[in-house]
């Protein structure tokens, strides 16, 4: 016997959980080398405080969006931001292995994008 007017049930997935809130300081391990802190001590990770508008005002926004919509990192501004947020001198950032520098830059870059949800 064939059922009439049966409406198929669509199974939906629950929405993914919201990402956890950021916990400061953010820590990035230096996997390819080390650097030194202000006291000359060797360190193997950088701890970043939360960025504020003042940091952008003083050092510039390290992220720019190209005409093609690509997110670009301004290396000089990002190096200055990494130094400021980790409370390390510029020379300590300059001596990072490039892979560690990129790990820091890409971990921080999300904080310098606009939040489109705020425009609604």
PDB file of N, CA and C in Angstrom:
ATOM      1  N   UNK A   1       0.833  -1.152   0.000  1.00  0.00           N
ATOM      2  CA  UNK A   1       0.000   0.000   0.000  1.00  0.00           C
ATOM      3  C   UNK A   1       0.897   1.239   0.000  1.00  0.00           C
ATOM      4  N   UNK A   2       0.607   2.171  -0.875  1.00  0.00           N
ATOM      5  CA  UNK A   2       1.408   3.371  -1.057  1.00  0.00           C
ATOM      6  C   UNK A   2       0.828   4.516  -0.242  1.00  0.00           C
ATOM      7  N   UNK A   3       1.650   5.190   0.549  1.00  0.00           N
ATOM      8  CA  UNK A   3       1.185   6.325   1.348  1.00  0.00           C
ATOM      9  C   UNK A   3       1.019   7.543   0.464  1.00  0.00           C
ATOM     10  N   UNK A   4      -0.061   8.273   0.703  1.00  0.00           N
ATOM     11  CA  UNK A   4      -0.319   9.495  -0.053  1.00  0.00           C
ATOM     12  C   UNK A   4       0.048  10.703   0.782  1.00  0.00           C
ATOM     13  N   UNK A   5       0.448  11.740   0.075  1.00  0.00           N
ATOM     14  CA  UNK A   5       0.755  13.024   0.710  1.00  0.00           C
ATOM     15  C   UNK A   5       1.791  12.910   1.828  1.00  0.00           C
ATOM     16  N   UNK A   6       2.797  12.136   1.594  1.00  0.00           N
ATOM     17  CA  UNK A   6       3.876  11.993   2.569  1.00  0.00           C
ATOM     18  C   UNK A   6       4.904  13.079   2.293  1.00  0.00           C
ATOM     19  N   UNK A   7       5.227  13.808   3.304  1.00  0.00           N
ATOM     20  CA  UNK A   7       6.239  14.864   3.186  1.00  0.00           C
ATOM     21  C   UNK A   7       7.543  14.313   3.726  1.00  0.00           C
ATOM     22  N   UNK A   8       8.575  14.292   2.879  1.00  0.00           N
ATOM     23  CA  UNK A   8       9.854  13.767   3.382  1.00  0.00           C
ATOM     24  C   UNK A   8      10.417  14.662   4.487  1.00  0.00           C
ATOM     25  N   UNK A   9      11.045  14.035   5.427  1.00  0.00           N
ATOM     26  CA  UNK A   9      11.661  14.774   6.533  1.00  0.00           C
ATOM     27  C   UNK A   9      13.100  15.097   6.155  1.00  0.00           C
ATOM     28  N   UNK A  10      13.412  16.354   6.214  1.00  0.00           N
ATOM     29  CA  UNK A  10      14.790  16.770   5.937  1.00  0.00           C
ATOM     30  C   UNK A  10      15.563  16.771   7.237  1.00  0.00           C
ATOM     31  N   UNK A  11      16.661  16.086   7.204  1.00  0.00           N
ATOM     32  CA  UNK A  11      17.518  16.104   8.385  1.00  0.00           C
ATOM     33  C   UNK A  11      18.515  17.237   8.230  1.00  0.00           C
ATOM     34  N   UNK A  12      18.567  18.084   9.196  1.00  0.00           N
ATOM     35  CA  UNK A  12      19.496  19.210   9.151  1.00  0.00           C
ATOM     36  C   UNK A  12      20.535  19.049  10.241  1.00  0.00           C
ATOM     37  N   UNK A  13      21.681  19.557   9.948  1.00  0.00           N
ATOM     38  CA  UNK A  13      22.769  19.549  10.917  1.00  0.00           C
ATOM     39  C   UNK A  13      22.617  20.761  11.825  1.00  0.00           C
ATOM     40  N   UNK A  14      22.904  20.597  13.089  1.00  0.00           N
ATOM     41  CA  UNK A  14      22.895  21.787  13.940  1.00  0.00           C
ATOM     42  C   UNK A  14      24.013  22.729  13.503  1.00  0.00           C
ATOM     43  N   UNK A  15      23.835  24.021  13.735  1.00  0.00           N
ATOM     44  CA  UNK A  15      24.902  24.954  13.341  1.00  0.00           C
ATOM     45  C   UNK A  15      26.180  24.647  14.116  1.00  0.00           C
ATOM     46  N   UNK A  16      27.311  24.945  13.497  1.00  0.00           N
ATOM     47  CA  UNK A  16      28.572  24.688  14.214  1.00  0.00           C
ATOM     48  C   UNK A  16      28.661  25.581  15.448  1.00  0.00           C
ATOM     49  N   UNK A  17      29.348  25.113  16.455  1.00  0.00           N
ATOM     50  CA  UNK A  17      29.475  25.931  17.662  1.00  0.00           C
ATOM     51  C   UNK A  17      30.263  27.209  17.368  1.00  0.00           C
ATOM     52  N   UNK A  18      29.945  28.231  18.110  1.00  0.00           N
ATOM     53  CA  UNK A  18      30.661  29.502  17.957  1.00  0.00           C
ATOM     54  C   UNK A  18      32.111  29.299  18.387  1.00  0.00           C
ATOM     55  N   UNK A  19      33.040  30.007  17.737  1.00  0.00           N
ATOM     56  CA  UNK A  19      34.437  29.870  18.159  1.00  0.00           C
ATOM     57  C   UNK A  19      34.593  30.368  19.594  1.00  0.00           C
ATOM     58  N   UNK A  20      35.528  29.789  20.314  1.00  0.00           N
ATOM     59  CA  UNK A  20      35.712  30.241  21.696  1.00  0.00           C
ATOM     60  C   UNK A  20      36.204  31.681  21.723  1.00  0.00           C
ATOM     61  N   UNK A  21      35.848  32.404  22.772  1.00  0.00           N
ATOM     62  CA  UNK A  21      36.344  33.786  22.853  1.00  0.00           C
ATOM     63  C   UNK A  21      37.864  33.795  22.974  1.00  0.00           C
ATOM     64  N   UNK A  22      38.447  34.852  22.476  1.00  0.00           N
ATOM     65  CA  UNK A  22      39.907  34.969  22.568  1.00  0.00           C
ATOM     66  C   UNK A  22      40.314  35.117  24.027  1.00  0.00           C
ATOM     67  N   UNK A  23      41.366  34.456  24.367  1.00  0.00           N
ATOM     68  CA  UNK A  23      41.917  34.552  25.715  1.00  0.00           C
ATOM     69  C   UNK A  23      43.289  35.184  25.584  1.00  0.00           C
ATOM     70  N   UNK A  24      43.472  36.271  26.279  1.00  0.00           N
ATOM     71  CA  UNK A  24      44.724  37.017  26.212  1.00  0.00           C
ATOM     72  C   UNK A  24      45.544  36.706  27.438  1.00  0.00           C
ATOM     73  N   UNK A  25      46.847  36.617  27.331  1.00  0.00           N
ATOM     74  CA  UNK A  25      47.626  36.832  26.122  1.00  0.00           C
ATOM     75  C   UNK A  25      47.538  35.634  25.174  1.00  0.00           C
ATOM     76  N   UNK A  26      47.717  35.918  23.891  1.00  0.00           N
ATOM     77  CA  UNK A  26      47.829  34.868  22.886  1.00  0.00           C
ATOM     78  C   UNK A  26      49.298  34.472  22.830  1.00  0.00           C
ATOM     79  N   UNK A  27      49.554  33.183  22.809  1.00  0.00           N
ATOM     80  CA  UNK A  27      50.930  32.674  22.804  1.00  0.00           C
ATOM     81  C   UNK A  27      51.211  32.005  21.462  1.00  0.00           C
ATOM     82  N   UNK A  28      52.335  32.359  20.858  1.00  0.00           N
ATOM     83  CA  UNK A  28      52.803  31.709  19.635  1.00  0.00           C
ATOM     84  C   UNK A  28      54.183  31.136  19.927  1.00  0.00           C
ATOM     85  N   UNK A  29      54.316  29.833  19.736  1.00  0.00           N
ATOM     86  CA  UNK A  29      55.608  29.172  19.959  1.00  0.00           C
ATOM     87  C   UNK A  29      56.531  29.446  18.778  1.00  0.00           C
ATOM     88  N   UNK A  30      57.793  29.634  19.073  1.00  0.00           N
ATOM     89  CA  UNK A  30      58.811  29.800  18.035  1.00  0.00           C
ATOM     90  C   UNK A  30      59.388  28.424  17.754  1.00  0.00           C
ATOM     91  N   UNK A  31      58.947  27.814  16.664  1.00  0.00           N
ATOM     92  CA  UNK A  31      59.324  26.437  16.362  1.00  0.00           C
ATOM     93  C   UNK A  31      60.644  26.319  15.610  1.00  0.00           C
ATOM     94  N   UNK A  32      61.138  27.443  15.076  1.00  0.00           N
ATOM     95  CA  UNK A  32      62.316  27.381  14.211  1.00  0.00           C
ATOM     96  C   UNK A  32      63.496  28.198  14.726  1.00  0.00           C
ATOM     97  N   UNK A  33      63.427  28.616  15.952  1.00  0.00           N
ATOM     98  CA  UNK A  33      64.520  29.397  16.509  1.00  0.00           C
ATOM     99  C   UNK A  33      64.077  30.052  17.801  1.00  0.00           C
ATOM    100  N   UNK A  34      64.783  31.072  18.162  1.00  0.00           N
ATOM    101  CA  UNK A  34      64.463  31.816  19.380  1.00  0.00           C
ATOM    102  C   UNK A  34      64.801  33.274  19.129  1.00  0.00           C
ATOM    103  N   UNK A  35      64.490  34.093  20.096  1.00  0.00           N
ATOM    104  CA  UNK A  35      64.884  35.494  20.068  1.00  0.00           C
ATOM    105  C   UNK A  35      65.198  35.887  21.501  1.00  0.00           C
ATOM    106  N   UNK A  36      65.427  37.156  21.741  1.00  0.00           N
ATOM    107  CA  UNK A  36      65.767  37.603  23.095  1.00  0.00           C
ATOM    108  C   UNK A  36      64.775  38.658  23.551  1.00  0.00           C
ATOM    109  N   UNK A  37      64.547  38.672  24.863  1.00  0.00           N
ATOM    110  CA  UNK A  37      63.687  39.714  25.430  1.00  0.00           C
ATOM    111  C   UNK A  37      64.527  40.947  25.775  1.00  0.00           C
ATOM    112  N   UNK A  38      63.912  41.910  26.417  1.00  0.00           N
ATOM    113  CA  UNK A  38      64.598  43.180  26.737  1.00  0.00           C
ATOM    114  C   UNK A  38      65.783  42.993  27.691  1.00  0.00           C
ATOM    115  N   UNK A  39      65.779  41.905  28.439  1.00  0.00           N
ATOM    116  CA  UNK A  39      66.883  41.628  29.374  1.00  0.00           C
ATOM    117  C   UNK A  39      67.977  40.776  28.740  1.00  0.00           C
ATOM    118  N   UNK A  40      67.818  40.459  27.448  1.00  0.00           N
ATOM    119  CA  UNK A  40      68.806  39.643  26.755  1.00  0.00           C
ATOM    120  C   UNK A  40      68.641  38.152  26.972  1.00  0.00           C
ATOM    121  N   UNK A  41      67.533  37.753  27.596  1.00  0.00           N
ATOM    122  CA  UNK A  41      67.280  36.335  27.848  1.00  0.00           C
ATOM    123  C   UNK A  41      66.661  35.691  26.604  1.00  0.00           C
ATOM    124  N   UNK A  42      67.103  34.497  26.307  1.00  0.00           N
ATOM    125  CA  UNK A  42      66.566  33.769  25.159  1.00  0.00           C
ATOM    126  C   UNK A  42      65.132  33.324  25.448  1.00  0.00           C
ATOM    127  N   UNK A  43      64.239  33.534  24.470  1.00  0.00           N
ATOM    128  CA  UNK A  43      62.845  33.121  24.625  1.00  0.00           C
ATOM    129  C   UNK A  43      62.436  32.263  23.425  1.00  0.00           C
ATOM    130  N   UNK A  44      61.488  31.364  23.663  1.00  0.00           N
ATOM    131  CA  UNK A  44      61.060  30.414  22.639  1.00  0.00           C
ATOM    132  C   UNK A  44      59.573  30.537  22.316  1.00  0.00           C
ATOM    133  N   UNK A  45      58.942  31.592  22.797  1.00  0.00           N
ATOM    134  CA  UNK A  45      57.557  31.878  22.466  1.00  0.00           C
ATOM    135  C   UNK A  45      57.308  33.366  22.671  1.00  0.00           C
ATOM    136  N   UNK A  46      56.325  33.873  21.944  1.00  0.00           N
ATOM    137  CA  UNK A  46      55.923  35.273  22.100  1.00  0.00           C
ATOM    138  C   UNK A  46      54.527  35.305  22.691  1.00  0.00           C
ATOM    139  N   UNK A  47      54.316  36.195  23.642  1.00  0.00           N
ATOM    140  CA  UNK A  47      53.004  36.400  24.250  1.00  0.00           C
ATOM    141  C   UNK A  47      52.503  37.763  23.809  1.00  0.00           C
ATOM    142  N   UNK A  48      51.306  37.770  23.211  1.00  0.00           N
ATOM    143  CA  UNK A  48      50.740  39.007  22.687  1.00  0.00           C
ATOM    144  C   UNK A  48      49.582  39.484  23.540  1.00  0.00           C
ATOM    145  N   UNK A  49      49.602  40.768  23.885  1.00  0.00           N
ATOM    146  CA  UNK A  49      48.459  41.382  24.548  1.00  0.00           C
ATOM    147  C   UNK A  49      47.431  41.734  23.488  1.00  0.00           C
ATOM    148  N   UNK A  50      46.247  42.077  23.944  1.00  0.00           N
ATOM    149  CA  UNK A  50      45.184  42.450  23.023  1.00  0.00           C
ATOM    150  C   UNK A  50      45.517  43.774  22.335  1.00  0.00           C
ATOM    151  N   UNK A  51      45.321  43.865  21.015  1.00  0.00           N
ATOM    152  CA  UNK A  51      45.557  45.143  20.333  1.00  0.00           C
ATOM    153  C   UNK A  51      44.397  46.118  20.586  1.00  0.00           C
ATOM    154  N   UNK A  52      44.720  47.390  20.526  1.00  0.00           N
ATOM    155  CA  UNK A  52      43.730  48.454  20.696  1.00  0.00           C
ATOM    156  C   UNK A  52      43.843  49.434  19.539  1.00  0.00           C
ATOM    157  N   UNK A  53      42.846  50.295  19.411  1.00  0.00           N
ATOM    158  CA  UNK A  53      42.852  51.296  18.342  1.00  0.00           C
ATOM    159  C   UNK A  53      44.126  52.140  18.400  1.00  0.00           C
ATOM    160  N   UNK A  54      44.596  52.430  19.594  1.00  0.00           N
ATOM    161  CA  UNK A  54      45.832  53.224  19.732  1.00  0.00           C
ATOM    162  C   UNK A  54      47.014  52.553  19.025  1.00  0.00           C
ATOM    163  N   UNK A  55      47.082  51.227  19.074  1.00  0.00           N
ATOM    164  CA  UNK A  55      48.163  50.510  18.388  1.00  0.00           C
ATOM    165  C   UNK A  55      48.101  50.760  16.884  1.00  0.00           C
ATOM    166  N   UNK A  56      46.903  50.749  16.323  1.00  0.00           N
ATOM    167  CA  UNK A  56      46.743  51.004  14.891  1.00  0.00           C
ATOM    168  C   UNK A  56      47.078  52.458  14.587  1.00  0.00           C
ATOM    169  N   UNK A  57      46.648  53.355  15.452  1.00  0.00           N
ATOM    170  CA  UNK A  57      46.936  54.780  15.251  1.00  0.00           C
ATOM    171  C   UNK A  57      48.448  55.040  15.244  1.00  0.00           C
ATOM    172  N   UNK A  58      49.180  54.397  16.134  1.00  0.00           N
ATOM    173  CA  UNK A  58      50.620  54.639  16.252  1.00  0.00           C
ATOM    174  C   UNK A  58      51.449  53.902  15.198  1.00  0.00           C
ATOM    175  N   UNK A  59      51.017  52.709  14.804  1.00  0.00           N
ATOM    176  CA  UNK A  59      51.849  51.872  13.922  1.00  0.00           C
ATOM    177  C   UNK A  59      51.244  51.648  12.543  1.00  0.00           C
ATOM    178  N   UNK A  60      49.977  51.994  12.385  1.00  0.00           N
ATOM    179  CA  UNK A  60      49.277  51.773  11.127  1.00  0.00           C
ATOM    180  C   UNK A  60      48.645  50.394  11.111  1.00  0.00           C
ATOM    181  N   UNK A  61      47.643  50.223  10.254  1.00  0.00           N
ATOM    182  CA  UNK A  61      46.980  48.931  10.132  1.00  0.00           C
ATOM    183  C   UNK A  61      47.870  48.006   9.302  1.00  0.00           C
ATOM    184  N   UNK A  62      48.284  46.871   9.852  1.00  0.00           N
ATOM    185  CA  UNK A  62      49.200  45.992   9.125  1.00  0.00           C
ATOM    186  C   UNK A  62      48.529  45.154   8.034  1.00  0.00           C
ATOM    187  N   UNK A  63      47.218  45.248   7.908  1.00  0.00           N
ATOM    188  CA  UNK A  63      46.481  44.475   6.905  1.00  0.00           C
ATOM    189  C   UNK A  63      45.776  45.435   5.953  1.00  0.00           C
ATOM    190  N   UNK A  64      45.913  45.162   4.664  1.00  0.00           N
ATOM    191  CA  UNK A  64      45.220  45.943   3.639  1.00  0.00           C
ATOM    192  C   UNK A  64      44.544  44.980   2.685  1.00  0.00           C
ATOM    193  N   UNK A  65      43.414  45.386   2.148  1.00  0.00           N
ATOM    194  CA  UNK A  65      42.684  44.588   1.174  1.00  0.00           C
ATOM    195  C   UNK A  65      42.961  45.176  -0.200  1.00  0.00           C
ATOM    196  N   UNK A  66      43.451  44.350  -1.122  1.00  0.00           N
ATOM    197  CA  UNK A  66      43.767  44.811  -2.479  1.00  0.00           C
ATOM    198  C   UNK A  66      42.472  45.025  -3.266  1.00  0.00           C
ATOM    199  N   UNK A  67      42.593  45.638  -4.437  1.00  0.00           N
ATOM    200  CA  UNK A  67      41.440  45.856  -5.309  1.00  0.00           C
ATOM    201  C   UNK A  67      40.806  44.528  -5.718  1.00  0.00           C
ATOM    202  N   UNK A  68      41.596  43.461  -5.721  1.00  0.00           N
ATOM    203  CA  UNK A  68      41.093  42.134  -6.071  1.00  0.00           C
ATOM    204  C   UNK A  68      40.477  41.412  -4.875  1.00  0.00           C
ATOM    205  N   UNK A  69      40.491  42.049  -3.709  1.00  0.00           N
ATOM    206  CA  UNK A  69      39.922  41.450  -2.510  1.00  0.00           C
ATOM    207  C   UNK A  69      40.869  40.566  -1.723  1.00  0.00           C
ATOM    208  N   UNK A  70      42.148  40.610  -2.061  1.00  0.00           N
ATOM    209  CA  UNK A  70      43.145  39.797  -1.374  1.00  0.00           C
ATOM    210  C   UNK A  70      43.658  40.538  -0.135  1.00  0.00           C
ATOM    211  N   UNK A  71      43.754  39.815   0.980  1.00  0.00           N
ATOM    212  CA  UNK A  71      44.288  40.401   2.212  1.00  0.00           C
ATOM    213  C   UNK A  71      45.811  40.396   2.142  1.00  0.00           C
ATOM    214  N   UNK A  72      46.405  41.563   2.280  1.00  0.00           N
ATOM    215  CA  UNK A  72      47.856  41.704   2.195  1.00  0.00           C
ATOM    216  C   UNK A  72      48.409  42.169   3.534  1.00  0.00           C
ATOM    217  N   UNK A  73      49.532  41.598   3.910  1.00  0.00           N
ATOM    218  CA  UNK A  73      50.209  42.005   5.142  1.00  0.00           C
ATOM    219  C   UNK A  73      51.284  43.014   4.782  1.00  0.00           C
ATOM    220  N   UNK A  74      51.263  44.160   5.448  1.00  0.00           N
ATOM    221  CA  UNK A  74      52.338  45.147   5.323  1.00  0.00           C
ATOM    222  C   UNK A  74      53.402  44.731   6.340  1.00  0.00           C
ATOM    223  N   UNK A  75      54.515  44.214   5.850  1.00  0.00           N
ATOM    224  CA  UNK A  75      55.514  43.601   6.727  1.00  0.00           C
ATOM    225  C   UNK A  75      56.102  44.577   7.739  1.00  0.00           C
ATOM    226  N   UNK A  76      56.372  45.808   7.333  1.00  0.00           N
ATOM    227  CA  UNK A  76      56.954  46.773   8.288  1.00  0.00           C
ATOM    228  C   UNK A  76      55.963  47.100   9.398  1.00  0.00           C
ATOM    229  N   UNK A  77      54.710  47.333   9.029  1.00  0.00           N
ATOM    230  CA  UNK A  77      53.704  47.642  10.052  1.00  0.00           C
ATOM    231  C   UNK A  77      53.436  46.429  10.934  1.00  0.00           C
ATOM    232  N   UNK A  78      53.418  45.237  10.336  1.00  0.00           N
ATOM    233  CA  UNK A  78      53.174  44.038  11.137  1.00  0.00           C
ATOM    234  C   UNK A  78      54.342  43.781  12.082  1.00  0.00           C
ATOM    235  N   UNK A  79      55.571  44.009  11.636  1.00  0.00           N
ATOM    236  CA  UNK A  79      56.720  43.843  12.532  1.00  0.00           C
ATOM    237  C   UNK A  79      56.626  44.800  13.713  1.00  0.00           C
ATOM    238  N   UNK A  80      56.232  46.038  13.432  1.00  0.00           N
ATOM    239  CA  UNK A  80      56.057  47.022  14.516  1.00  0.00           C
ATOM    240  C   UNK A  80      54.940  46.588  15.456  1.00  0.00           C
ATOM    241  N   UNK A  81      53.871  46.027  14.901  1.00  0.00           N
ATOM    242  CA  UNK A  81      52.746  45.579  15.733  1.00  0.00           C
ATOM    243  C   UNK A  81      53.148  44.376  16.571  1.00  0.00           C
ATOM    244  N   UNK A  82      53.873  43.424  15.980  1.00  0.00           N
ATOM    245  CA  UNK A  82      54.350  42.251  16.725  1.00  0.00           C
ATOM    246  C   UNK A  82      55.218  42.706  17.897  1.00  0.00           C
ATOM    247  N   UNK A  83      56.112  43.651  17.650  1.00  0.00           N
ATOM    248  CA  UNK A  83      56.983  44.160  18.719  1.00  0.00           C
ATOM    249  C   UNK A  83      56.159  44.819  19.813  1.00  0.00           C
ATOM    250  N   UNK A  84      55.216  45.665  19.428  1.00  0.00           N
ATOM    251  CA  UNK A  84      54.413  46.387  20.426  1.00  0.00           C
ATOM    252  C   UNK A  84      53.553  45.436  21.253  1.00  0.00           C
ATOM    253  N   UNK A  85      52.873  44.498  20.594  1.00  0.00           N
ATOM    254  CA  UNK A  85      51.951  43.618  21.310  1.00  0.00           C
ATOM    255  C   UNK A  85      52.670  42.568  22.150  1.00  0.00           C
ATOM    256  N   UNK A  86      53.930  42.283  21.832  1.00  0.00           N
ATOM    257  CA  UNK A  86      54.697  41.320  22.619  1.00  0.00           C
ATOM    258  C   UNK A  86      55.640  42.002  23.612  1.00  0.00           C
ATOM    259  N   UNK A  87      55.679  43.339  23.575  1.00  0.00           N
ATOM    260  CA  UNK A  87      56.568  44.128  24.435  1.00  0.00           C
ATOM    261  C   UNK A  87      58.029  43.727  24.254  1.00  0.00           C
ATOM    262  N   UNK A  88      58.394  43.517  22.987  1.00  0.00           N
ATOM    263  CA  UNK A  88      59.784  43.203  22.659  1.00  0.00           C
ATOM    264  C   UNK A  88      60.353  44.323  21.806  1.00  0.00           C
ATOM    265  N   UNK A  89      61.664  44.540  21.874  1.00  0.00           N
ATOM    266  CA  UNK A  89      62.272  45.552  21.007  1.00  0.00           C
ATOM    267  C   UNK A  89      62.270  45.085  19.554  1.00  0.00           C
ATOM    268  N   UNK A  90      62.325  46.043  18.643  1.00  0.00           N
ATOM    269  CA  UNK A  90      62.291  45.732  17.211  1.00  0.00           C
ATOM    270  C   UNK A  90      63.389  44.744  16.818  1.00  0.00           C
ATOM    271  N   UNK A  91      64.582  44.876  17.405  1.00  0.00           N
ATOM    272  CA  UNK A  91      65.675  43.970  17.021  1.00  0.00           C
ATOM    273  C   UNK A  91      65.352  42.524  17.357  1.00  0.00           C
ATOM    274  N   UNK A  92      64.530  42.290  18.375  1.00  0.00           N
ATOM    275  CA  UNK A  92      64.139  40.917  18.714  1.00  0.00           C
ATOM    276  C   UNK A  92      63.219  40.328  17.655  1.00  0.00           C
ATOM    277  N   UNK A  93      62.376  41.167  17.074  1.00  0.00           N
ATOM    278  CA  UNK A  93      61.475  40.713  16.018  1.00  0.00           C
ATOM    279  C   UNK A  93      62.260  40.514  14.730  1.00  0.00           C
ATOM    280  N   UNK A  94      63.211  41.395  14.458  1.00  0.00           N
ATOM    281  CA  UNK A  94      64.015  41.301  13.235  1.00  0.00           C
ATOM    282  C   UNK A  94      64.820  40.008  13.158  1.00  0.00           C
ATOM    283  N   UNK A  95      65.154  39.419  14.287  1.00  0.00           N
ATOM    284  CA  UNK A  95      65.975  38.211  14.262  1.00  0.00           C
ATOM    285  C   UNK A  95      65.171  36.915  14.294  1.00  0.00           C
ATOM    286  N   UNK A  96      63.817  37.022  14.210  1.00  0.00           N
ATOM    287  CA  UNK A  96      62.986  35.821  14.151  1.00  0.00           C
ATOM    288  C   UNK A  96      63.220  35.063  12.846  1.00  0.00           C
ATOM    289  N   UNK A  97      63.131  33.751  12.898  1.00  0.00           N
ATOM    290  CA  UNK A  97      63.119  32.952  11.691  1.00  0.00           C
ATOM    291  C   UNK A  97      61.878  33.374  10.887  1.00  0.00           C
ATOM    292  N   UNK A  98      61.978  33.492   9.562  1.00  0.00           N
ATOM    293  CA  UNK A  98      60.822  33.941   8.772  1.00  0.00           C
ATOM    294  C   UNK A  98      59.575  33.086   8.979  1.00  0.00           C
ATOM    295  N   UNK A  99      59.726  31.793   9.213  1.00  0.00           N
ATOM    296  CA  UNK A  99      58.560  30.941   9.449  1.00  0.00           C
ATOM    297  C   UNK A  99      57.892  31.297  10.769  1.00  0.00           C
ATOM    298  N   UNK A 100      58.686  31.606  11.790  1.00  0.00           N
ATOM    299  CA  UNK A 100      58.114  32.030  13.067  1.00  0.00           C
ATOM    300  C   UNK A 100      57.470  33.402  12.941  1.00  0.00           C
ATOM    301  N   UNK A 101      58.113  34.306  12.189  1.00  0.00           N
ATOM    302  CA  UNK A 101      57.520  35.633  11.969  1.00  0.00           C
ATOM    303  C   UNK A 101      56.155  35.481  11.308  1.00  0.00           C
ATOM    304  N   UNK A 102      56.068  34.631  10.274  1.00  0.00           N
ATOM    305  CA  UNK A 102      54.796  34.408   9.595  1.00  0.00           C
ATOM    306  C   UNK A 102      53.760  33.785  10.517  1.00  0.00           C
ATOM    307  N   UNK A 103      54.175  32.887  11.392  1.00  0.00           N
ATOM    308  CA  UNK A 103      53.236  32.298  12.354  1.00  0.00           C
ATOM    309  C   UNK A 103      52.640  33.386  13.238  1.00  0.00           C
ATOM    310  N   UNK A 104      53.462  34.317  13.687  1.00  0.00           N
ATOM    311  CA  UNK A 104      52.972  35.435  14.501  1.00  0.00           C
ATOM    312  C   UNK A 104      52.054  36.341  13.688  1.00  0.00           C
ATOM    313  N   UNK A 105      52.481  36.708  12.490  1.00  0.00           N
ATOM    314  CA  UNK A 105      51.713  37.634  11.654  1.00  0.00           C
ATOM    315  C   UNK A 105      50.343  37.058  11.303  1.00  0.00           C
ATOM    316  N   UNK A 106      50.309  35.800  10.911  1.00  0.00           N
ATOM    317  CA  UNK A 106      49.033  35.204  10.522  1.00  0.00           C
ATOM    318  C   UNK A 106      48.135  34.932  11.720  1.00  0.00           C
ATOM    319  N   UNK A 107      48.706  34.727  12.886  1.00  0.00           N
ATOM    320  CA  UNK A 107      47.888  34.555  14.101  1.00  0.00           C
ATOM    321  C   UNK A 107      47.232  35.880  14.481  1.00  0.00           C
ATOM    322  N   UNK A 108      47.921  36.994  14.253  1.00  0.00           N
ATOM    323  CA  UNK A 108      47.399  38.303  14.640  1.00  0.00           C
ATOM    324  C   UNK A 108      46.526  38.960  13.578  1.00  0.00           C
ATOM    325  N   UNK A 109      46.656  38.563  12.337  1.00  0.00           N
ATOM    326  CA  UNK A 109      46.028  39.322  11.252  1.00  0.00           C
ATOM    327  C   UNK A 109      44.520  39.461  11.377  1.00  0.00           C
ATOM    328  N   UNK A 110      43.824  38.491  11.928  1.00  0.00           N
ATOM    329  CA  UNK A 110      42.366  38.561  12.035  1.00  0.00           C
ATOM    330  C   UNK A 110      41.889  39.753  12.858  1.00  0.00           C
ATOM    331  N   UNK A 111      42.715  40.252  13.745  1.00  0.00           N
ATOM    332  CA  UNK A 111      42.315  41.363  14.606  1.00  0.00           C
ATOM    333  C   UNK A 111      42.354  42.704  13.887  1.00  0.00           C
ATOM    334  N   UNK A 112      42.800  42.718  12.646  1.00  0.00           N
ATOM    335  CA  UNK A 112      42.929  43.977  11.919  1.00  0.00           C
ATOM    336  C   UNK A 112      42.011  44.036  10.699  1.00  0.00           C
ATOM    337  N   UNK A 113      41.071  43.085  10.601  1.00  0.00           N
ATOM    338  CA  UNK A 113      40.039  43.104   9.564  1.00  0.00           C
ATOM    339  C   UNK A 113      38.803  43.804  10.118  1.00  0.00           C
ATOM    340  N   UNK A 114      38.029  44.437   9.259  1.00  0.00           N
ATOM    341  CA  UNK A 114      36.753  44.991   9.722  1.00  0.00           C
ATOM    342  C   UNK A 114      35.779  43.862  10.031  1.00  0.00           C
ATOM    343  N   UNK A 115      34.770  44.151  10.801  1.00  0.00           N
ATOM    344  CA  UNK A 115      33.734  43.182  11.177  1.00  0.00           C
ATOM    345  C   UNK A 115      32.438  43.588  10.481  1.00  0.00           C
ATOM    346  N   UNK A 116      32.129  43.006   9.298  1.00  0.00           N
ATOM    347  CA  UNK A 116      30.932  43.407   8.543  1.00  0.00           C
ATOM    348  C   UNK A 116      29.630  43.286   9.325  1.00  0.00           C
ATOM    349  N   UNK A 117      29.542  42.374  10.278  1.00  0.00           N
ATOM    350  CA  UNK A 117      28.315  42.237  11.068  1.00  0.00           C
ATOM    351  C   UNK A 117      27.985  43.524  11.826  1.00  0.00           C
ATOM    352  N   UNK A 118      28.974  44.344  12.083  1.00  0.00           N
ATOM    353  CA  UNK A 118      28.743  45.600  12.813  1.00  0.00           C
ATOM    354  C   UNK A 118      28.055  46.651  11.947  1.00  0.00           C
ATOM    355  N   UNK A 119      27.979  46.417  10.642  1.00  0.00           N
ATOM    356  CA  UNK A 119      27.414  47.414   9.744  1.00  0.00           C
ATOM    357  C   UNK A 119      25.914  47.277   9.553  1.00  0.00           C
ATOM    358  N   UNK A 120      25.324  46.225  10.078  1.00  0.00           N
ATOM    359  CA  UNK A 120      23.876  46.014   9.905  1.00  0.00           C
ATOM    360  C   UNK A 120      23.077  46.870  10.848  1.00  0.00           C
TER     361      UNK A 120
END
